[in-house]
Amino acid sequence: MKLEAQTLAKIKTRINEKVMGCHGTWIDWQYLLDAAALLAKCRYTLQYTYPYAYYMEPSPRKELVREKLKLIVI
């Protein structure tokens, strides 16, 4: 939660700097806020993926999930 708030604050600051420096309009930089929201959603999903994989019954699917998680961490 803190990380998301910090990221959003940095993005808003950067957008304001760009707009005030005449490097585009607020709408031109709006995609950064959309990207931050998507990043938060991905982090939220990933947060619950590790416990899910840990408590899965032993199966080929569990091994697949664990292998995919290893790729994400690298």
PDB file of N, CA and C in Angstrom:
ATOM      1  N   MET A   1       0.819  -1.184   0.000  1.00  0.00           N
ATOM      2  CA  MET A   1       0.000   0.000   0.000  1.00  0.00           C
ATOM      3  C   MET A   1       0.871   1.260   0.000  1.00  0.00           C
ATOM      4  N   LYS A   2       1.903   1.269   0.835  1.00  0.00           N
ATOM      5  CA  LYS A   2       2.784   2.430   0.867  1.00  0.00           C
ATOM      6  C   LYS A   2       3.510   2.593  -0.458  1.00  0.00           C
ATOM      7  N   LEU A   3       3.956   1.475  -1.011  1.00  0.00           N
ATOM      8  CA  LEU A   3       4.675   1.517  -2.283  1.00  0.00           C
ATOM      9  C   LEU A   3       3.790   2.091  -3.379  1.00  0.00           C
ATOM     10  N   GLU A   4       2.541   1.703  -3.390  1.00  0.00           N
ATOM     11  CA  GLU A   4       1.619   2.211  -4.405  1.00  0.00           C
ATOM     12  C   GLU A   4       1.395   3.714  -4.233  1.00  0.00           C
ATOM     13  N   ALA A   5       1.265   4.150  -2.989  1.00  0.00           N
ATOM     14  CA  ALA A   5       1.066   5.582  -2.728  1.00  0.00           C
ATOM     15  C   ALA A   5       2.305   6.378  -3.142  1.00  0.00           C
ATOM     16  N   GLN A   6       3.487   5.835  -2.858  1.00  0.00           N
ATOM     17  CA  GLN A   6       4.723   6.515  -3.242  1.00  0.00           C
ATOM     18  C   GLN A   6       4.855   6.596  -4.762  1.00  0.00           C
ATOM     19  N   THR A   7       4.565   5.493  -5.420  1.00  0.00           N
ATOM     20  CA  THR A   7       4.653   5.458  -6.879  1.00  0.00           C
ATOM     21  C   THR A   7       3.690   6.465  -7.499  1.00  0.00           C
ATOM     22  N   LEU A   8       2.472   6.487  -7.011  1.00  0.00           N
ATOM     23  CA  LEU A   8       1.469   7.413  -7.540  1.00  0.00           C
ATOM     24  C   LEU A   8       1.882   8.865  -7.292  1.00  0.00           C
ATOM     25  N   ALA A   9       2.430   9.146  -6.113  1.00  0.00           N
ATOM     26  CA  ALA A   9       2.883  10.507  -5.811  1.00  0.00           C
ATOM     27  C   ALA A   9       4.021  10.931  -6.742  1.00  0.00           C
ATOM     28  N   LYS A  10       4.957  10.021  -7.001  1.00  0.00           N
ATOM     29  CA  LYS A  10       6.072  10.326  -7.909  1.00  0.00           C
ATOM     30  C   LYS A  10       5.570  10.586  -9.327  1.00  0.00           C
ATOM     31  N   ILE A  11       4.620   9.783  -9.752  1.00  0.00           N
ATOM     32  CA  ILE A  11       4.084   9.958 -11.105  1.00  0.00           C
ATOM     33  C   ILE A  11       3.354  11.295 -11.227  1.00  0.00           C
ATOM     34  N   LYS A  12       2.555  11.631 -10.230  1.00  0.00           N
ATOM     35  CA  LYS A  12       1.833  12.909 -10.283  1.00  0.00           C
ATOM     36  C   LYS A  12       2.804  14.089 -10.278  1.00  0.00           C
ATOM     37  N   THR A  13       3.871  13.959  -9.486  1.00  0.00           N
ATOM     38  CA  THR A  13       4.886  15.017  -9.467  1.00  0.00           C
ATOM     39  C   THR A  13       5.550  15.148 -10.822  1.00  0.00           C
ATOM     40  N   ARG A  14       5.894  14.034 -11.421  1.00  0.00           N
ATOM     41  CA  ARG A  14       6.553  14.042 -12.730  1.00  0.00           C
ATOM     42  C   ARG A  14       5.626  14.622 -13.792  1.00  0.00           C
ATOM     43  N   ILE A  15       4.351  14.262 -13.728  1.00  0.00           N
ATOM     44  CA  ILE A  15       3.385  14.804 -14.693  1.00  0.00           C
ATOM     45  C   ILE A  15       3.288  16.324 -14.546  1.00  0.00           C
ATOM     46  N   ASN A  16       3.194  16.794 -13.311  1.00  0.00           N
ATOM     47  CA  ASN A  16       3.109  18.241 -13.083  1.00  0.00           C
ATOM     48  C   ASN A  16       4.352  18.960 -13.592  1.00  0.00           C
ATOM     49  N   GLU A  17       5.530  18.356 -13.389  1.00  0.00           N
ATOM     50  CA  GLU A  17       6.767  18.953 -13.897  1.00  0.00           C
ATOM     51  C   GLU A  17       6.736  19.063 -15.422  1.00  0.00           C
ATOM     52  N   LYS A  18       6.277  18.005 -16.070  1.00  0.00           N
ATOM     53  CA  LYS A  18       6.225  18.007 -17.537  1.00  0.00           C
ATOM     54  C   LYS A  18       5.213  19.023 -18.057  1.00  0.00           C
ATOM     55  N   VAL A  19       4.051  19.083 -17.415  1.00  0.00           N
ATOM     56  CA  VAL A  19       3.012  20.013 -17.866  1.00  0.00           C
ATOM     57  C   VAL A  19       3.463  21.456 -17.639  1.00  0.00           C
ATOM     58  N   MET A  20       4.037  21.734 -16.485  1.00  0.00           N
ATOM     59  CA  MET A  20       4.499  23.090 -16.196  1.00  0.00           C
ATOM     60  C   MET A  20       5.710  23.479 -17.051  1.00  0.00           C
ATOM     61  N   GLY A  21       6.475  22.498 -17.494  1.00  0.00           N
ATOM     62  CA  GLY A  21       7.619  22.767 -18.358  1.00  0.00           C
ATOM     63  C   GLY A  21       7.249  22.810 -19.832  1.00  0.00           C
ATOM     64  N   CYS A  22       5.949  22.826 -20.129  1.00  0.00           N
ATOM     65  CA  CYS A  22       5.438  22.895 -21.507  1.00  0.00           C
ATOM     66  C   CYS A  22       5.912  21.722 -22.368  1.00  0.00           C
ATOM     67  N   HIS A  23       5.942  20.548 -21.769  1.00  0.00           N
ATOM     68  CA  HIS A  23       6.300  19.337 -22.511  1.00  0.00           C
ATOM     69  C   HIS A  23       5.072  18.474 -22.762  1.00  0.00           C
ATOM     70  N   GLY A  24       3.952  19.077 -22.926  1.00  0.00           N
ATOM     71  CA  GLY A  24       2.711  18.363 -23.189  1.00  0.00           C
ATOM     72  C   GLY A  24       1.632  18.824 -22.229  1.00  0.00           C
ATOM     73  N   THR A  25       0.446  18.272 -22.415  1.00  0.00           N
ATOM     74  CA  THR A  25      -0.683  18.599 -21.551  1.00  0.00           C
ATOM     75  C   THR A  25      -0.908  17.459 -20.577  1.00  0.00           C
ATOM     76  N   TRP A  26      -1.810  17.704 -19.639  1.00  0.00           N
ATOM     77  CA  TRP A  26      -2.143  16.679 -18.656  1.00  0.00           C
ATOM     78  C   TRP A  26      -2.638  15.407 -19.358  1.00  0.00           C
ATOM     79  N   ILE A  27      -3.413  15.578 -20.375  1.00  0.00           N
ATOM     80  CA  ILE A  27      -3.960  14.431 -21.104  1.00  0.00           C
ATOM     81  C   ILE A  27      -2.842  13.639 -21.789  1.00  0.00           C
ATOM     82  N   ASP A  28      -1.797  14.332 -22.259  1.00  0.00           N
ATOM     83  CA  ASP A  28      -0.678  13.644 -22.895  1.00  0.00           C
ATOM     84  C   ASP A  28       0.022  12.687 -21.942  1.00  0.00           C
ATOM     85  N   TRP A  29      -0.004  12.990 -20.665  1.00  0.00           N
ATOM     86  CA  TRP A  29       0.712  12.177 -19.670  1.00  0.00           C
ATOM     87  C   TRP A  29      -0.226  11.285 -18.862  1.00  0.00           C
ATOM     88  N   GLN A  30      -1.486  11.273 -19.211  1.00  0.00           N
ATOM     89  CA  GLN A  30      -2.485  10.483 -18.482  1.00  0.00           C
ATOM     90  C   GLN A  30      -2.176   8.985 -18.514  1.00  0.00           C
ATOM     91  N   TYR A  31      -1.515   8.525 -19.557  1.00  0.00           N
ATOM     92  CA  TYR A  31      -1.212   7.091 -19.672  1.00  0.00           C
ATOM     93  C   TYR A  31      -0.338   6.612 -18.515  1.00  0.00           C
ATOM     94  N   LEU A  32       0.433   7.501 -17.904  1.00  0.00           N
ATOM     95  CA  LEU A  32       1.261   7.106 -16.773  1.00  0.00           C
ATOM     96  C   LEU A  32       0.411   6.706 -15.567  1.00  0.00           C
ATOM     97  N   LEU A  33      -0.680   7.414 -15.347  1.00  0.00           N
ATOM     98  CA  LEU A  33      -1.588   7.051 -14.253  1.00  0.00           C
ATOM     99  C   LEU A  33      -2.268   5.720 -14.538  1.00  0.00           C
ATOM    100  N   ASP A  34      -2.615   5.484 -15.807  1.00  0.00           N
ATOM    101  CA  ASP A  34      -3.208   4.200 -16.180  1.00  0.00           C
ATOM    102  C   ASP A  34      -2.210   3.066 -15.953  1.00  0.00           C
ATOM    103  N   ALA A  35      -0.948   3.315 -16.287  1.00  0.00           N
ATOM    104  CA  ALA A  35       0.092   2.310 -16.090  1.00  0.00           C
ATOM    105  C   ALA A  35       0.301   2.025 -14.610  1.00  0.00           C
ATOM    106  N   ALA A  36       0.228   3.045 -13.775  1.00  0.00           N
ATOM    107  CA  ALA A  36       0.389   2.855 -12.328  1.00  0.00           C
ATOM    108  C   ALA A  36      -0.752   2.015 -11.761  1.00  0.00           C
ATOM    109  N   ALA A  37      -1.965   2.250 -12.245  1.00  0.00           N
ATOM    110  CA  ALA A  37      -3.107   1.466 -11.786  1.00  0.00           C
ATOM    111  C   ALA A  37      -2.957   0.003 -12.202  1.00  0.00           C
ATOM    112  N   LEU A  38      -2.482  -0.223 -13.406  1.00  0.00           N
ATOM    113  CA  LEU A  38      -2.263  -1.588 -13.878  1.00  0.00           C
ATOM    114  C   LEU A  38      -1.154  -2.273 -13.084  1.00  0.00           C
ATOM    115  N   LEU A  39      -0.106  -1.539 -12.772  1.00  0.00           N
ATOM    116  CA  LEU A  39       0.985  -2.083 -11.972  1.00  0.00           C
ATOM    117  C   LEU A  39       0.492  -2.484 -10.580  1.00  0.00           C
ATOM    118  N   ALA A  40      -0.347  -1.666  -9.973  1.00  0.00           N
ATOM    119  CA  ALA A  40      -0.905  -1.986  -8.657  1.00  0.00           C
ATOM    120  C   ALA A  40      -1.754  -3.249  -8.724  1.00  0.00           C
ATOM    121  N   LYS A  41      -2.534  -3.374  -9.784  1.00  0.00           N
ATOM    122  CA  LYS A  41      -3.373  -4.557  -9.953  1.00  0.00           C
ATOM    123  C   LYS A  41      -2.521  -5.826 -10.114  1.00  0.00           C
ATOM    124  N   CYS A  42      -1.448  -5.720 -10.872  1.00  0.00           N
ATOM    125  CA  CYS A  42      -0.550  -6.857 -11.071  1.00  0.00           C
ATOM    126  C   CYS A  42       0.134  -7.252  -9.769  1.00  0.00           C
ATOM    127  N   ARG A  43       0.575  -6.263  -9.006  1.00  0.00           N
ATOM    128  CA  ARG A  43       1.212  -6.560  -7.718  1.00  0.00           C
ATOM    129  C   ARG A  43       0.238  -7.222  -6.768  1.00  0.00           C
ATOM    130  N   TYR A  44      -0.994  -6.774  -6.776  1.00  0.00           N
ATOM    131  CA  TYR A  44      -2.023  -7.359  -5.920  1.00  0.00           C
ATOM    132  C   TYR A  44      -2.257  -8.825  -6.287  1.00  0.00           C
ATOM    133  N   THR A  45      -2.328  -9.105  -7.573  1.00  0.00           N
ATOM    134  CA  THR A  45      -2.531 -10.484  -8.028  1.00  0.00           C
ATOM    135  C   THR A  45      -1.339 -11.354  -7.665  1.00  0.00           C
ATOM    136  N   LEU A  46      -0.153 -10.857  -7.892  1.00  0.00           N
ATOM    137  CA  LEU A  46       1.056 -11.611  -7.601  1.00  0.00           C
ATOM    138  C   LEU A  46       1.192 -11.886  -6.108  1.00  0.00           C
ATOM    139  N   GLN A  47       0.720 -10.979  -5.295  1.00  0.00           N
ATOM    140  CA  GLN A  47       0.785 -11.126  -3.849  1.00  0.00           C
ATOM    141  C   GLN A  47       0.088 -12.400  -3.388  1.00  0.00           C
ATOM    142  N   TYR A  48      -1.008 -12.772  -4.035  1.00  0.00           N
ATOM    143  CA  TYR A  48      -1.761 -13.957  -3.635  1.00  0.00           C
ATOM    144  C   TYR A  48      -1.385 -15.199  -4.432  1.00  0.00           C
ATOM    145  N   THR A  49      -0.510 -15.055  -5.397  1.00  0.00           N
ATOM    146  CA  THR A  49      -0.109 -16.201  -6.207  1.00  0.00           C
ATOM    147  C   THR A  49       0.830 -17.128  -5.440  1.00  0.00           C
ATOM    148  N   TYR A  50       1.739 -16.571  -4.663  1.00  0.00           N
ATOM    149  CA  TYR A  50       2.691 -17.392  -3.923  1.00  0.00           C
ATOM    150  C   TYR A  50       2.009 -18.313  -2.912  1.00  0.00           C
ATOM    151  N   PRO A  51       1.107 -17.800  -2.060  1.00  0.00           N
ATOM    152  CA  PRO A  51       0.427 -18.716  -1.136  1.00  0.00           C
ATOM    153  C   PRO A  51      -0.429 -19.745  -1.872  1.00  0.00           C
ATOM    154  N   TYR A  52      -1.047 -19.336  -2.959  1.00  0.00           N
ATOM    155  CA  TYR A  52      -1.857 -20.268  -3.749  1.00  0.00           C
ATOM    156  C   TYR A  52      -1.008 -21.430  -4.234  1.00  0.00           C
ATOM    157  N   ALA A  53       0.167 -21.132  -4.763  1.00  0.00           N
ATOM    158  CA  ALA A  53       1.052 -22.182  -5.269  1.00  0.00           C
ATOM    159  C   ALA A  53       1.561 -23.062  -4.135  1.00  0.00           C
ATOM    160  N   TYR A  54       1.796 -22.482  -2.978  1.00  0.00           N
ATOM    161  CA  TYR A  54       2.339 -23.237  -1.852  1.00  0.00           C
ATOM    162  C   TYR A  54       1.345 -24.286  -1.361  1.00  0.00           C
ATOM    163  N   TYR A  55       0.059 -23.917  -1.296  1.00  0.00           N
ATOM    164  CA  TYR A  55      -0.941 -24.812  -0.733  1.00  0.00           C
ATOM    165  C   TYR A  55      -1.638 -25.695  -1.761  1.00  0.00           C
ATOM    166  N   MET A  56      -1.228 -25.639  -3.007  1.00  0.00           N
ATOM    167  CA  MET A  56      -1.829 -26.517  -4.018  1.00  0.00           C
ATOM    168  C   MET A  56      -1.454 -27.969  -3.734  1.00  0.00           C
ATOM    169  N   GLU A  57      -2.357 -28.869  -4.084  1.00  0.00           N
ATOM    170  CA  GLU A  57      -2.054 -30.293  -3.982  1.00  0.00           C
ATOM    171  C   GLU A  57      -0.953 -30.638  -4.978  1.00  0.00           C
ATOM    172  N   PRO A  58      -0.054 -31.563  -4.618  1.00  0.00           N
ATOM    173  CA  PRO A  58       1.000 -31.953  -5.572  1.00  0.00           C
ATOM    174  C   PRO A  58       0.388 -32.475  -6.876  1.00  0.00           C
ATOM    175  N   SER A  59       0.772 -31.853  -7.974  1.00  0.00           N
ATOM    176  CA  SER A  59       0.266 -32.240  -9.284  1.00  0.00           C
ATOM    177  C   SER A  59       1.135 -31.578 -10.342  1.00  0.00           C
ATOM    178  N   PRO A  60       0.967 -31.982 -11.592  1.00  0.00           N
ATOM    179  CA  PRO A  60       1.717 -31.312 -12.656  1.00  0.00           C
ATOM    180  C   PRO A  60       1.388 -29.813 -12.749  1.00  0.00           C
ATOM    181  N   ARG A  61       0.157 -29.468 -12.431  1.00  0.00           N
ATOM    182  CA  ARG A  61      -0.232 -28.057 -12.487  1.00  0.00           C
ATOM    183  C   ARG A  61       0.540 -27.239 -11.448  1.00  0.00           C
ATOM    184  N   LYS A  62       0.743 -27.814 -10.256  1.00  0.00           N
ATOM    185  CA  LYS A  62       1.499 -27.121  -9.211  1.00  0.00           C
ATOM    186  C   LYS A  62       2.931 -26.877  -9.682  1.00  0.00           C
ATOM    187  N   GLU A  63       3.521 -27.863 -10.310  1.00  0.00           N
ATOM    188  CA  GLU A  63       4.881 -27.697 -10.819  1.00  0.00           C
ATOM    189  C   GLU A  63       4.938 -26.605 -11.889  1.00  0.00           C
ATOM    190  N   LEU A  64       3.928 -26.559 -12.727  1.00  0.00           N
ATOM    191  CA  LEU A  64       3.868 -25.530 -13.763  1.00  0.00           C
ATOM    192  C   LEU A  64       3.783 -24.134 -13.137  1.00  0.00           C
ATOM    193  N   VAL A  65       2.929 -23.978 -12.147  1.00  0.00           N
ATOM    194  CA  VAL A  65       2.782 -22.687 -11.478  1.00  0.00           C
ATOM    195  C   VAL A  65       4.093 -22.294 -10.820  1.00  0.00           C
ATOM    196  N   ARG A  66       4.748 -23.235 -10.158  1.00  0.00           N
ATOM    197  CA  ARG A  66       6.012 -22.936  -9.488  1.00  0.00           C
ATOM    198  C   ARG A  66       7.098 -22.553 -10.489  1.00  0.00           C
ATOM    199  N   GLU A  67       7.132 -23.209 -11.624  1.00  0.00           N
ATOM    200  CA  GLU A  67       8.104 -22.857 -12.655  1.00  0.00           C
ATOM    201  C   GLU A  67       7.855 -21.451 -13.199  1.00  0.00           C
ATOM    202  N   LYS A  68       6.605 -21.117 -13.401  1.00  0.00           N
ATOM    203  CA  LYS A  68       6.258 -19.772 -13.890  1.00  0.00           C
ATOM    204  C   LYS A  68       6.622 -18.705 -12.861  1.00  0.00           C
ATOM    205  N   LEU A  69       6.421 -19.003 -11.588  1.00  0.00           N
ATOM    206  CA  LEU A  69       6.779 -18.048 -10.542  1.00  0.00           C
ATOM    207  C   LEU A  69       8.289 -17.847 -10.499  1.00  0.00           C
ATOM    208  N   LYS A  70       9.056 -18.901 -10.750  1.00  0.00           N
ATOM    209  CA  LYS A  70      10.515 -18.780 -10.780  1.00  0.00           C
ATOM    210  C   LYS A  70      10.936 -17.836 -11.913  1.00  0.00           C
ATOM    211  N   LEU A  71      10.247 -17.901 -13.040  1.00  0.00           N
ATOM    212  CA  LEU A  71      10.565 -17.025 -14.166  1.00  0.00           C
ATOM    213  C   LEU A  71      10.272 -15.570 -13.834  1.00  0.00           C
ATOM    214  N   ILE A  72       9.231 -15.336 -13.061  1.00  0.00           N
ATOM    215  CA  ILE A  72       8.859 -13.968 -12.698  1.00  0.00           C
ATOM    216  C   ILE A  72       9.903 -13.359 -11.773  1.00  0.00           C
ATOM    217  N   VAL A  73      10.411 -14.151 -10.843  1.00  0.00           N
ATOM    218  CA  VAL A  73      11.349 -13.656  -9.846  1.00  0.00           C
ATOM    219  C   VAL A  73      12.679 -13.288 -10.471  1.00  0.00           C
ATOM    220  N   ILE A  74      13.069 -13.976 -11.500  1.00  0.00           N
ATOM    221  CA  ILE A  74      14.379 -13.734 -12.120  1.00  0.00           C
ATOM    222  C   ILE A  74      14.421 -12.435 -12.810  1.00  0.00           C
TER     223      ILE A  74
END
